[in-house]
Amino acid sequence: MDEVYNADECFISAATIILLPVIKADGKAINGGKIGEYTTKLRELYKEILKAQAKMI
């Protein structure tokens, strides 16, 4: 858990939630409780891919 607490960013990925930022673990803030820029960018890129794939169907 030390790696999680000291991470710059942390997220969970799944088909139903796309990409969920994790800003707290066991009551301890990760990255000062802020969503990281890479997490935000990855989520947006993934949503763009899903939209593009939906247009192909």
PDB file of N, CA and C in Angstrom:
ATOM      1  N   MET A   1       0.806  -1.196   0.000  1.00  0.00           N
ATOM      2  CA  MET A   1       0.000   0.000   0.000  1.00  0.00           C
ATOM      3  C   MET A   1       0.854   1.268   0.000  1.00  0.00           C
ATOM      4  N   ASP A   2       2.103   1.170   0.413  1.00  0.00           N
ATOM      5  CA  ASP A   2       2.971   2.350   0.387  1.00  0.00           C
ATOM      6  C   ASP A   2       3.072   2.918  -1.021  1.00  0.00           C
ATOM      7  N   GLU A   3       3.148   2.040  -2.019  1.00  0.00           N
ATOM      8  CA  GLU A   3       3.231   2.503  -3.401  1.00  0.00           C
ATOM      9  C   GLU A   3       1.958   3.260  -3.799  1.00  0.00           C
ATOM     10  N   VAL A   4       0.832   2.784  -3.347  1.00  0.00           N
ATOM     11  CA  VAL A   4      -0.439   3.460  -3.653  1.00  0.00           C
ATOM     12  C   VAL A   4      -0.476   4.827  -2.983  1.00  0.00           C
ATOM     13  N   TYR A   5      -0.152   4.886  -1.715  1.00  0.00           N
ATOM     14  CA  TYR A   5      -0.197   6.152  -0.985  1.00  0.00           C
ATOM     15  C   TYR A   5       0.770   7.187  -1.558  1.00  0.00           C
ATOM     16  N   ASN A   6       1.878   6.732  -2.100  1.00  0.00           N
ATOM     17  CA  ASN A   6       2.887   7.650  -2.635  1.00  0.00           C
ATOM     18  C   ASN A   6       2.803   7.856  -4.139  1.00  0.00           C
ATOM     19  N   ALA A   7       1.794   7.292  -4.768  1.00  0.00           N
ATOM     20  CA  ALA A   7       1.654   7.400  -6.223  1.00  0.00           C
ATOM     21  C   ALA A   7       1.306   8.825  -6.643  1.00  0.00           C
ATOM     22  N   ASP A   8       1.777   9.191  -7.828  1.00  0.00           N
ATOM     23  CA  ASP A   8       1.387  10.478  -8.412  1.00  0.00           C
ATOM     24  C   ASP A   8      -0.069  10.420  -8.861  1.00  0.00           C
ATOM     25  N   GLU A   9      -0.468   9.251  -9.365  1.00  0.00           N
ATOM     26  CA  GLU A   9      -1.835   9.050  -9.826  1.00  0.00           C
ATOM     27  C   GLU A   9      -2.210   7.593  -9.630  1.00  0.00           C
ATOM     28  N   CYS A  10      -3.509   7.369  -9.501  1.00  0.00           N
ATOM     29  CA  CYS A  10      -3.999   6.015  -9.344  1.00  0.00           C
ATOM     30  C   CYS A  10      -5.390   5.960  -9.964  1.00  0.00           C
ATOM     31  N   PHE A  11      -5.690   4.854 -10.665  1.00  0.00           N
ATOM     32  CA  PHE A  11      -7.021   4.709 -11.236  1.00  0.00           C
ATOM     33  C   PHE A  11      -7.383   3.241 -11.354  1.00  0.00           C
ATOM     34  N   ILE A  12      -8.674   3.002 -11.513  1.00  0.00           N
ATOM     35  CA  ILE A  12      -9.217   1.666 -11.723  1.00  0.00           C
ATOM     36  C   ILE A  12      -9.835   1.671 -13.113  1.00  0.00           C
ATOM     37  N   SER A  13      -9.645   0.596 -13.836  1.00  0.00           N
ATOM     38  CA  SER A  13     -10.200   0.497 -15.179  1.00  0.00           C
ATOM     39  C   SER A  13     -11.091  -0.739 -15.277  1.00  0.00           C
ATOM     40  N   ALA A  14     -12.252  -0.562 -15.912  1.00  0.00           N
ATOM     41  CA  ALA A  14     -13.174  -1.673 -16.163  1.00  0.00           C
ATOM     42  C   ALA A  14     -14.124  -1.253 -17.277  1.00  0.00           C
ATOM     43  N   ALA A  15     -14.691  -2.214 -17.955  1.00  0.00           N
ATOM     44  CA  ALA A  15     -15.586  -1.912 -19.074  1.00  0.00           C
ATOM     45  C   ALA A  15     -16.776  -1.054 -18.645  1.00  0.00           C
ATOM     46  N   THR A  16     -17.290  -1.279 -17.459  1.00  0.00           N
ATOM     47  CA  THR A  16     -18.486  -0.559 -17.019  1.00  0.00           C
ATOM     48  C   THR A  16     -18.213   0.842 -16.481  1.00  0.00           C
ATOM     49  N   ILE A  17     -16.980   1.114 -16.063  1.00  0.00           N
ATOM     50  CA  ILE A  17     -16.668   2.437 -15.495  1.00  0.00           C
ATOM     51  C   ILE A  17     -15.635   3.194 -16.326  1.00  0.00           C
ATOM     52  N   ILE A  18     -15.199   2.613 -17.413  1.00  0.00           N
ATOM     53  CA  ILE A  18     -14.167   3.167 -18.286  1.00  0.00           C
ATOM     54  C   ILE A  18     -12.865   3.341 -17.502  1.00  0.00           C
ATOM     55  N   LEU A  19     -12.711   4.448 -16.814  1.00  0.00           N
ATOM     56  CA  LEU A  19     -11.495   4.696 -16.044  1.00  0.00           C
ATOM     57  C   LEU A  19     -11.875   5.567 -14.857  1.00  0.00           C
ATOM     58  N   LEU A  20     -11.736   5.043 -13.673  1.00  0.00           N
ATOM     59  CA  LEU A  20     -12.165   5.740 -12.465  1.00  0.00           C
ATOM     60  C   LEU A  20     -10.953   6.207 -11.665  1.00  0.00           C
ATOM     61  N   PRO A  21     -10.810   7.517 -11.478  1.00  0.00           N
ATOM     62  CA  PRO A  21      -9.692   8.015 -10.677  1.00  0.00           C
ATOM     63  C   PRO A  21      -9.846   7.597  -9.213  1.00  0.00           C
ATOM     64  N   VAL A  22      -8.737   7.263  -8.592  1.00  0.00           N
ATOM     65  CA  VAL A  22      -8.722   6.943  -7.160  1.00  0.00           C
ATOM     66  C   VAL A  22      -7.948   8.067  -6.484  1.00  0.00           C
ATOM     67  N   ILE A  23      -8.630   8.795  -5.608  1.00  0.00           N
ATOM     68  CA  ILE A  23      -7.976   9.926  -4.944  1.00  0.00           C
ATOM     69  C   ILE A  23      -7.758   9.677  -3.453  1.00  0.00           C
ATOM     70  N   LYS A  24      -8.283   8.531  -2.966  1.00  0.00           N
ATOM     71  CA  LYS A  24      -8.137   8.181  -1.558  1.00  0.00           C
ATOM     72  C   LYS A  24      -8.099   6.672  -1.412  1.00  0.00           C
ATOM     73  N   ALA A  25      -7.255   6.184  -0.519  1.00  0.00           N
ATOM     74  CA  ALA A  25      -7.194   4.760  -0.195  1.00  0.00           C
ATOM     75  C   ALA A  25      -7.040   4.634   1.314  1.00  0.00           C
ATOM     76  N   ASP A  26      -7.902   3.870   1.930  1.00  0.00           N
ATOM     77  CA  ASP A  26      -7.883   3.711   3.387  1.00  0.00           C
ATOM     78  C   ASP A  26      -7.911   5.053   4.113  1.00  0.00           C
ATOM     79  N   GLY A  27      -8.634   6.014   3.541  1.00  0.00           N
ATOM     80  CA  GLY A  27      -8.751   7.331   4.158  1.00  0.00           C
ATOM     81  C   GLY A  27      -7.561   8.245   3.933  1.00  0.00           C
ATOM     82  N   LYS A  28      -6.542   7.777   3.194  1.00  0.00           N
ATOM     83  CA  LYS A  28      -5.350   8.591   2.929  1.00  0.00           C
ATOM     84  C   LYS A  28      -5.414   9.125   1.503  1.00  0.00           C
ATOM     85  N   ALA A  29      -5.150  10.419   1.344  1.00  0.00           N
ATOM     86  CA  ALA A  29      -5.205  11.058   0.034  1.00  0.00           C
ATOM     87  C   ALA A  29      -4.056  10.592  -0.854  1.00  0.00           C
ATOM     88  N   ILE A  30      -4.379  10.401  -2.113  1.00  0.00           N
ATOM     89  CA  ILE A  30      -3.372  10.105  -3.137  1.00  0.00           C
ATOM     90  C   ILE A  30      -3.235  11.363  -3.977  1.00  0.00           C
ATOM     91  N   ASN A  31      -2.018  11.812  -4.201  1.00  0.00           N
ATOM     92  CA  ASN A  31      -1.757  13.025  -4.975  1.00  0.00           C
ATOM     93  C   ASN A  31      -2.527  14.219  -4.392  1.00  0.00           C
ATOM     94  N   GLY A  32      -2.550  14.318  -3.094  1.00  0.00           N
ATOM     95  CA  GLY A  32      -3.228  15.436  -2.443  1.00  0.00           C
ATOM     96  C   GLY A  32      -4.736  15.431  -2.646  1.00  0.00           C
ATOM     97  N   GLY A  33      -5.288  14.273  -3.027  1.00  0.00           N
ATOM     98  CA  GLY A  33      -6.724  14.169  -3.256  1.00  0.00           C
ATOM     99  C   GLY A  33      -7.173  14.724  -4.599  1.00  0.00           C
ATOM    100  N   LYS A  34      -6.210  14.933  -5.507  1.00  0.00           N
ATOM    101  CA  LYS A  34      -6.519  15.500  -6.826  1.00  0.00           C
ATOM    102  C   LYS A  34      -6.443  14.430  -7.910  1.00  0.00           C
ATOM    103  N   ILE A  35      -7.310  14.560  -8.911  1.00  0.00           N
ATOM    104  CA  ILE A  35      -7.251  13.675 -10.070  1.00  0.00           C
ATOM    105  C   ILE A  35      -6.067  14.111 -10.917  1.00  0.00           C
ATOM    106  N   GLY A  36      -5.224  13.157 -11.294  1.00  0.00           N
ATOM    107  CA  GLY A  36      -4.023  13.479 -12.054  1.00  0.00           C
ATOM    108  C   GLY A  36      -4.290  13.767 -13.524  1.00  0.00           C
ATOM    109  N   GLU A  37      -3.355  14.468 -14.151  1.00  0.00           N
ATOM    110  CA  GLU A  37      -3.525  14.861 -15.556  1.00  0.00           C
ATOM    111  C   GLU A  37      -3.488  13.657 -16.497  1.00  0.00           C
ATOM    112  N   TYR A  38      -2.688  12.637 -16.187  1.00  0.00           N
ATOM    113  CA  TYR A  38      -2.634  11.457 -17.052  1.00  0.00           C
ATOM    114  C   TYR A  38      -3.934  10.655 -16.960  1.00  0.00           C
ATOM    115  N   THR A  39      -4.483  10.574 -15.778  1.00  0.00           N
ATOM    116  CA  THR A  39      -5.750   9.873 -15.598  1.00  0.00           C
ATOM    117  C   THR A  39      -6.845  10.559 -16.411  1.00  0.00           C
ATOM    118  N   THR A  40      -6.891  11.871 -16.342  1.00  0.00           N
ATOM    119  CA  THR A  40      -7.877  12.644 -17.098  1.00  0.00           C
ATOM    120  C   THR A  40      -7.686  12.446 -18.598  1.00  0.00           C
ATOM    121  N   LYS A  41      -6.454  12.523 -19.060  1.00  0.00           N
ATOM    122  CA  LYS A  41      -6.164  12.375 -20.487  1.00  0.00           C
ATOM    123  C   LYS A  41      -6.488  10.954 -20.974  1.00  0.00           C
ATOM    124  N   LEU A  42      -6.099   9.947 -20.207  1.00  0.00           N
ATOM    125  CA  LEU A  42      -6.402   8.564 -20.591  1.00  0.00           C
ATOM    126  C   LEU A  42      -7.900   8.326 -20.700  1.00  0.00           C
ATOM    127  N   ARG A  43      -8.647   8.873 -19.762  1.00  0.00           N
ATOM    128  CA  ARG A  43     -10.104   8.718 -19.793  1.00  0.00           C
ATOM    129  C   ARG A  43     -10.688   9.348 -21.062  1.00  0.00           C
ATOM    130  N   GLU A  44     -10.234  10.536 -21.408  1.00  0.00           N
ATOM    131  CA  GLU A  44     -10.728  11.218 -22.613  1.00  0.00           C
ATOM    132  C   GLU A  44     -10.352  10.447 -23.886  1.00  0.00           C
ATOM    133  N   LEU A  45      -9.123   9.974 -23.953  1.00  0.00           N
ATOM    134  CA  LEU A  45      -8.693   9.201 -25.124  1.00  0.00           C
ATOM    135  C   LEU A  45      -9.499   7.915 -25.267  1.00  0.00           C
ATOM    136  N   TYR A  46      -9.749   7.251 -24.159  1.00  0.00           N
ATOM    137  CA  TYR A  46     -10.517   6.015 -24.190  1.00  0.00           C
ATOM    138  C   TYR A  46     -11.945   6.281 -24.666  1.00  0.00           C
ATOM    139  N   LYS A  47     -12.549   7.379 -24.190  1.00  0.00           N
ATOM    140  CA  LYS A  47     -13.898   7.734 -24.617  1.00  0.00           C
ATOM    141  C   LYS A  47     -13.933   8.031 -26.116  1.00  0.00           C
ATOM    142  N   GLU A  48     -12.904   8.689 -26.634  1.00  0.00           N
ATOM    143  CA  GLU A  48     -12.821   8.966 -28.069  1.00  0.00           C
ATOM    144  C   GLU A  48     -12.750   7.671 -28.876  1.00  0.00           C
ATOM    145  N   ILE A  49     -11.974   6.721 -28.397  1.00  0.00           N
ATOM    146  CA  ILE A  49     -11.857   5.417 -29.071  1.00  0.00           C
ATOM    147  C   ILE A  49     -13.212   4.710 -29.080  1.00  0.00           C
ATOM    148  N   LEU A  50     -13.897   4.715 -27.948  1.00  0.00           N
ATOM    149  CA  LEU A  50     -15.211   4.074 -27.876  1.00  0.00           C
ATOM    150  C   LEU A  50     -16.205   4.723 -28.843  1.00  0.00           C
ATOM    151  N   LYS A  51     -16.195   6.054 -28.931  1.00  0.00           N
ATOM    152  CA  LYS A  51     -17.081   6.748 -29.849  1.00  0.00           C
ATOM    153  C   LYS A  51     -16.767   6.382 -31.290  1.00  0.00           C
ATOM    154  N   ALA A  52     -15.486   6.332 -31.637  1.00  0.00           N
ATOM    155  CA  ALA A  52     -15.072   5.980 -32.994  1.00  0.00           C
ATOM    156  C   ALA A  52     -15.500   4.557 -33.334  1.00  0.00           C
ATOM    157  N   GLN A  53     -15.351   3.649 -32.396  1.00  0.00           N
ATOM    158  CA  GLN A  53     -15.743   2.261 -32.626  1.00  0.00           C
ATOM    159  C   GLN A  53     -17.259   2.134 -32.768  1.00  0.00           C
ATOM    160  N   ALA A  54     -17.998   2.919 -32.018  1.00  0.00           N
ATOM    161  CA  ALA A  54     -19.457   2.869 -32.104  1.00  0.00           C
ATOM    162  C   ALA A  54     -19.944   3.335 -33.473  1.00  0.00           C
ATOM    163  N   LYS A  55     -19.229   4.269 -34.075  1.00  0.00           N
ATOM    164  CA  LYS A  55     -19.595   4.771 -35.408  1.00  0.00           C
ATOM    165  C   LYS A  55     -19.353   3.724 -36.486  1.00  0.00           C
ATOM    166  N   MET A  56     -18.443   2.782 -36.224  1.00  0.00           N
ATOM    167  CA  MET A  56     -18.128   1.736 -37.201  1.00  0.00           C
ATOM    168  C   MET A  56     -19.194   0.648 -37.254  1.00  0.00           C
ATOM    169  N   ILE A  57     -19.982   0.577 -36.214  1.00  0.00           N
ATOM    170  CA  ILE A  57     -20.997  -0.492 -36.134  1.00  0.00           C
ATOM    171  C   ILE A  57     -22.238  -0.103 -36.905  1.00  0.00           C
TER     172      ILE A  57
END
